[in-house]
Amino acid sequence: MKILGSLAVALALLGAGCGDGPVETAATQGVTVYKLAPDDRVKVVVYGEDDLSGEYLVGSDGNVSFPLIGSVKAGGLSLAQFRAELASSLHGRYLKDPRVSADIVAYRPFFILGEVNHPGQYPYRVGLTLNAAVATAGGYTYRANQKVVAVQHLGAPGEERFRVTSSLQVSAGDTVRVLERFF
């Protein structure tokens, strides 16, 4: 069964090229833990400390400005790591046993351009697929290549090309470029 799956991925990669350069499929995308970055908004609750609880924006420097302790690193950290960093910063000098929770209230946006009817910046939703992103942008234009799409992940040096499938995921901060098809 594993051999058949690998064979299917290999055949998809061979067939997807057709002059468009290297192409990945949804099956080759790795599942990753969400990492905080600028423009994410987090809700922090410090139990028993209402004055410290609230919504905070991850700034352009990747930090959250937090009462009492100042700047706390958030960029590049998972929510669990951010909670631990915050609890560690509060422990000792300010609170004896801080219990902290944090949840994402608003994700950073994604961007879509190229052969869609309304290119631009849109709010990210968990589980966003390429099809949903294109629908959000008003659908494909008549010139759109509906087989291959270029995606630049936040912080990546360049674009990667992916074969369009119904399960192709778009991440927060991604820039999706719908390519023009060639006849």
Protein backbone atom coordinates (compact mmCIF):
# COMPACT_ATOMS: atom_id res chain seq x y z
CA MET A 1 0.00 0.00 0.00
CA LYS A 2 2.88 2.36 0.85
CA ILE A 3 4.48 1.65 -2.53
CA LEU A 4 1.24 2.52 -4.35
CA GLY A 5 1.03 5.85 -2.47
CA SER A 6 4.63 6.70 -3.37
CA LEU A 7 4.00 5.69 -6.97
CA ALA A 8 0.91 7.93 -7.12
CA VAL A 9 2.89 10.91 -5.81
CA ALA A 10 5.71 10.24 -8.29
CA LEU A 11 3.27 10.00 -11.20
CA ALA A 12 1.50 13.18 -10.10
CA LEU A 13 4.81 15.02 -9.97
CA LEU A 14 5.80 13.76 -13.41
CA GLY A 15 2.47 14.65 -14.96
CA ALA A 16 2.18 18.01 -13.24
CA GLY A 17 5.35 19.48 -14.68
CA CYS A 18 4.39 20.09 -18.32
CA GLY A 19 6.80 23.02 -18.60
CA ASP A 20 5.65 24.70 -15.37
CA GLY A 21 8.76 23.78 -13.34
CA PRO A 22 8.84 21.60 -10.20
CA VAL A 23 5.43 21.02 -8.71
CA GLU A 24 4.44 19.58 -5.33
CA THR A 25 1.18 17.91 -4.48
CA ALA A 26 -0.89 18.25 -1.33
CA ALA A 27 0.43 14.82 -0.29
CA THR A 28 3.98 16.23 -0.17
CA GLN A 29 3.08 19.17 2.07
CA GLY A 30 4.09 18.60 5.70
CA VAL A 31 1.75 19.23 8.61
CA THR A 32 3.27 21.85 10.87
CA VAL A 33 2.43 23.47 14.19
CA TYR A 34 1.18 27.05 13.82
CA LYS A 35 3.86 29.59 14.72
CA LEU A 36 2.99 33.11 15.80
CA ALA A 37 4.14 36.01 13.61
CA PRO A 38 3.45 39.74 13.19
CA ASP A 39 -0.23 40.68 12.80
CA ASP A 40 -1.49 37.69 14.80
CA ARG A 41 -3.80 38.73 17.65
CA VAL A 42 -3.75 36.60 20.81
CA LYS A 43 -6.03 36.58 23.83
CA VAL A 44 -4.09 36.05 27.04
CA VAL A 45 -5.72 35.14 30.34
CA VAL A 46 -3.66 35.27 33.52
CA TYR A 47 -5.89 33.58 36.09
CA GLY A 48 -6.70 35.83 39.04
CA GLU A 49 -5.09 38.86 37.35
CA ASP A 50 -7.79 40.64 35.34
CA ASP A 51 -5.55 43.67 34.72
CA LEU A 52 -3.05 41.49 32.84
CA SER A 53 -5.63 39.59 30.79
CA GLY A 54 -6.66 40.88 27.36
CA GLU A 55 -6.01 40.82 23.63
CA TYR A 56 -2.52 41.53 22.40
CA LEU A 57 -1.11 42.06 18.90
CA VAL A 58 2.15 40.46 17.80
CA GLY A 59 4.12 43.48 16.65
CA SER A 60 6.28 43.88 13.57
CA ASP A 61 9.32 42.88 15.67
CA GLY A 62 7.65 39.56 16.62
CA ASN A 63 7.09 40.64 20.22
CA VAL A 64 4.03 41.30 22.37
CA SER A 65 4.04 44.35 24.61
CA PHE A 66 2.78 43.06 27.96
CA PRO A 67 2.05 45.02 31.18
CA LEU A 68 4.67 44.81 33.95
CA ILE A 69 7.22 42.83 31.96
CA GLY A 70 7.36 44.78 28.69
CA SER A 71 8.30 43.02 25.49
CA VAL A 72 7.76 39.24 25.32
CA LYS A 73 8.96 37.16 22.40
CA ALA A 74 6.10 35.59 20.39
CA GLY A 75 7.27 35.46 16.76
CA GLY A 76 8.32 31.98 15.70
CA LEU A 77 6.83 30.36 18.82
CA SER A 78 3.88 27.99 19.05
CA LEU A 79 1.07 28.96 21.41
CA ALA A 80 2.38 26.49 24.01
CA GLN A 81 5.87 28.00 23.79
CA PHE A 82 4.46 31.53 24.03
CA ARG A 83 2.42 30.59 27.15
CA ALA A 84 5.53 29.11 28.75
CA GLU A 85 7.60 32.20 27.87
CA LEU A 86 4.94 34.49 29.36
CA ALA A 87 4.54 32.40 32.53
CA SER A 88 8.31 32.29 32.97
CA SER A 89 8.57 36.08 32.60
CA LEU A 90 5.80 36.66 35.17
CA HIS A 91 7.08 34.06 37.66
CA GLY A 92 9.06 35.28 40.64
CA ARG A 93 9.22 39.06 40.39
CA TYR A 94 5.52 39.64 39.73
CA LEU A 95 3.50 36.50 40.48
CA LYS A 96 4.18 33.51 42.70
CA ASP A 97 2.52 30.85 40.51
CA PRO A 98 1.23 32.38 37.25
CA ARG A 99 -1.33 30.31 35.35
CA VAL A 100 -1.50 31.58 31.81
CA SER A 101 -3.61 30.62 28.82
CA ALA A 102 -3.41 32.03 25.31
CA ASP A 103 -5.53 31.55 22.22
CA ILE A 104 -5.40 33.06 18.77
CA VAL A 105 -8.22 35.55 18.24
CA ALA A 106 -7.27 36.65 14.71
CA TYR A 107 -4.71 35.14 12.34
CA ARG A 108 -2.51 37.19 10.07
CA PRO A 109 -4.04 37.57 6.59
CA PHE A 110 -3.22 35.71 3.40
CA PHE A 111 -2.71 37.37 0.02
CA ILE A 112 -3.91 36.23 -3.37
CA LEU A 113 -2.96 37.73 -6.71
CA GLY A 114 -2.74 36.88 -10.36
CA GLU A 115 -5.61 35.39 -12.33
CA VAL A 116 -8.44 35.89 -9.82
CA ASN A 117 -11.27 38.39 -10.11
CA HIS A 118 -10.52 40.32 -6.89
CA PRO A 119 -6.84 40.00 -5.89
CA GLY A 120 -5.90 41.32 -2.48
CA GLN A 121 -5.48 40.66 1.23
CA TYR A 122 -8.06 38.49 3.01
CA PRO A 123 -8.53 37.21 6.57
CA TYR A 124 -7.19 33.71 7.17
CA ARG A 125 -9.42 30.94 8.54
CA VAL A 126 -8.20 27.64 9.97
CA GLY A 127 -8.35 24.88 7.36
CA LEU A 128 -8.37 27.29 4.42
CA THR A 129 -7.95 25.46 1.12
CA LEU A 130 -6.86 26.91 -2.20
CA ASN A 131 -10.39 26.49 -3.57
CA ALA A 132 -11.83 28.52 -0.67
CA ALA A 133 -9.11 31.18 -1.08
CA VAL A 134 -9.89 31.53 -4.80
CA ALA A 135 -13.62 31.69 -4.05
CA THR A 136 -12.94 34.44 -1.47
CA ALA A 137 -11.14 36.37 -4.22
CA GLY A 138 -14.11 36.13 -6.57
CA GLY A 139 -13.07 33.03 -8.49
CA TYR A 140 -10.69 32.40 -11.38
CA THR A 141 -10.46 34.65 -14.43
CA TYR A 142 -10.90 33.02 -17.83
CA ARG A 143 -7.10 33.02 -18.30
CA ALA A 144 -6.30 31.23 -15.03
CA ASN A 145 -4.21 28.08 -14.88
CA GLN A 146 -6.37 25.81 -12.73
CA LYS A 147 -3.79 23.00 -12.59
CA VAL A 148 -0.74 24.65 -11.00
CA VAL A 149 -0.44 27.52 -8.51
CA ALA A 150 2.55 29.38 -7.04
CA VAL A 151 2.68 29.90 -3.26
CA GLN A 152 5.21 31.83 -1.21
CA HIS A 153 5.06 30.90 2.45
CA LEU A 154 5.73 33.61 5.03
CA GLY A 155 9.50 33.95 5.47
CA ALA A 156 10.36 31.73 2.50
CA PRO A 157 12.89 33.12 0.02
CA GLY A 158 10.76 32.31 -3.03
CA GLU A 159 7.67 30.69 -4.46
CA GLU A 160 6.94 26.98 -4.70
CA ARG A 161 4.62 25.52 -7.30
CA PHE A 162 1.87 23.12 -6.28
CA ARG A 163 -0.51 21.00 -8.26
CA VAL A 164 -4.06 22.28 -7.60
CA THR A 165 -6.10 19.77 -5.60
CA SER A 166 -9.20 20.14 -3.46
CA SER A 167 -7.09 19.54 -0.33
CA LEU A 168 -4.27 22.02 -1.05
CA GLN A 169 -3.91 24.09 2.15
CA VAL A 170 -3.20 27.82 2.36
CA SER A 171 -1.48 29.04 5.53
CA ALA A 172 -1.74 32.37 7.32
CA GLY A 173 0.69 34.83 5.77
CA ASP A 174 0.93 32.94 2.47
CA THR A 175 0.99 34.78 -0.83
CA VAL A 176 -0.86 32.76 -3.47
CA ARG A 177 -0.29 33.60 -7.14
CA VAL A 178 -2.73 32.10 -9.59
CA LEU A 179 -0.77 31.67 -12.79
CA GLU A 180 -1.90 32.40 -16.34
CA ARG A 181 -2.45 29.36 -18.50
CA PHE A 182 -0.73 28.97 -21.80
CA PHE A 183 -2.72 27.61 -24.69
